Amino acid sequence: MKNIFSRTKKEIPAGDKATPFIPATRAAREAIIGFIIQSLQPYIDEKGLVIAGLDFYIVCSNHQQEEAARVALYADKPGLFKTEHLERTLANHFIELTPGWFFEGHIVKDQLPENCMQKGHYGLRVTGAGEPVTKHYEKACIEVLAGQTEHREYILDPGRQLKFYIGRSRSPQLSSGKIQQNDIVFLSRDEAGFDELTGSPNLRVSRNHACIVYEPGTGRYLLYPDKGGLPDNGNKLKVHTANESVKWLNIYGVAHWLCDGDQVELGGEAILRFRLLTS
């Protein structure tokens, strides 16, 4: 497979400054996926070989190459490359994955790490089911700034569970008939202890508004909109980041990588603050 950054440079008239040719994002993305599938040939249609995670590496020698790689991997939209492109391709090749499998893209400047499959500027390291993960579990805390919840703080402990649901009521029944089991619970108006003043923001929170997923392979907490928290259902989910920017989460399956101090706004009124807990 040809490397996406090893294409022939265009002829440039003498005196003009040459710039390396950067392929279109779609071609770069397809080349990365092709390399991953080629590297995972031993896992195709092998039920006993289950993948728990993939670490992909790409060597970039300048800023243009780094930016092309970041765009191809959706670096600013954690989870999108994995869920919208890679996961379905792996399934089509009958490659088995654990339910909580992870994918992490790494941009490196000098050389690929040792002990990984390599081709050109690409590298891939596979974590099999049952193998120890290099990352340590890092606990986090959710603080309630606006709205009435069962508790003022919630400790997220990945040693106990990896996914935490956020919604109104502890066990609401959704329109599909499913009983939702929420972990961060905003009280409903008909529940004991509900206060009309403190709990007014709760009325803007969906029964299945959002969820937080911890990735053991990367050590990251990712915030996803749940189906009830999407604009299609008349709801909102946005993040006021610690670096003073605002990010809307309007697409199902597209996540925000939570950083210490981020504030999560649900329905325009209820607000949670994310904190990492140092060990």
Foldseek 3Di string as FASTA:
>chain_A
DDQQQPDDFDDDDPPDDGDGDGDDLVVNLVVQLVVVCVVCVVQFPDVVWEFQEKEKEFEDADDVRVVSVCSSCVVQWPQCCVPVPNVVVCVVRRGHYDPQHYYHYYYHHDADDPPFDDDDRMTMDTDTPPRDAPADAWKKKKAWDAADWPDRMDIRTVVVPFKAFDFEDQFDQDPVRHTDGHDTYGYDPPDPPDDCVRHVLRVLTHRGFWMWGARRNVRWIKIFGDPCQAVVNPWWKWKCAPVRDIGTHHDGRTIGTHDAFIWIDISNTTIMGMHIDDD
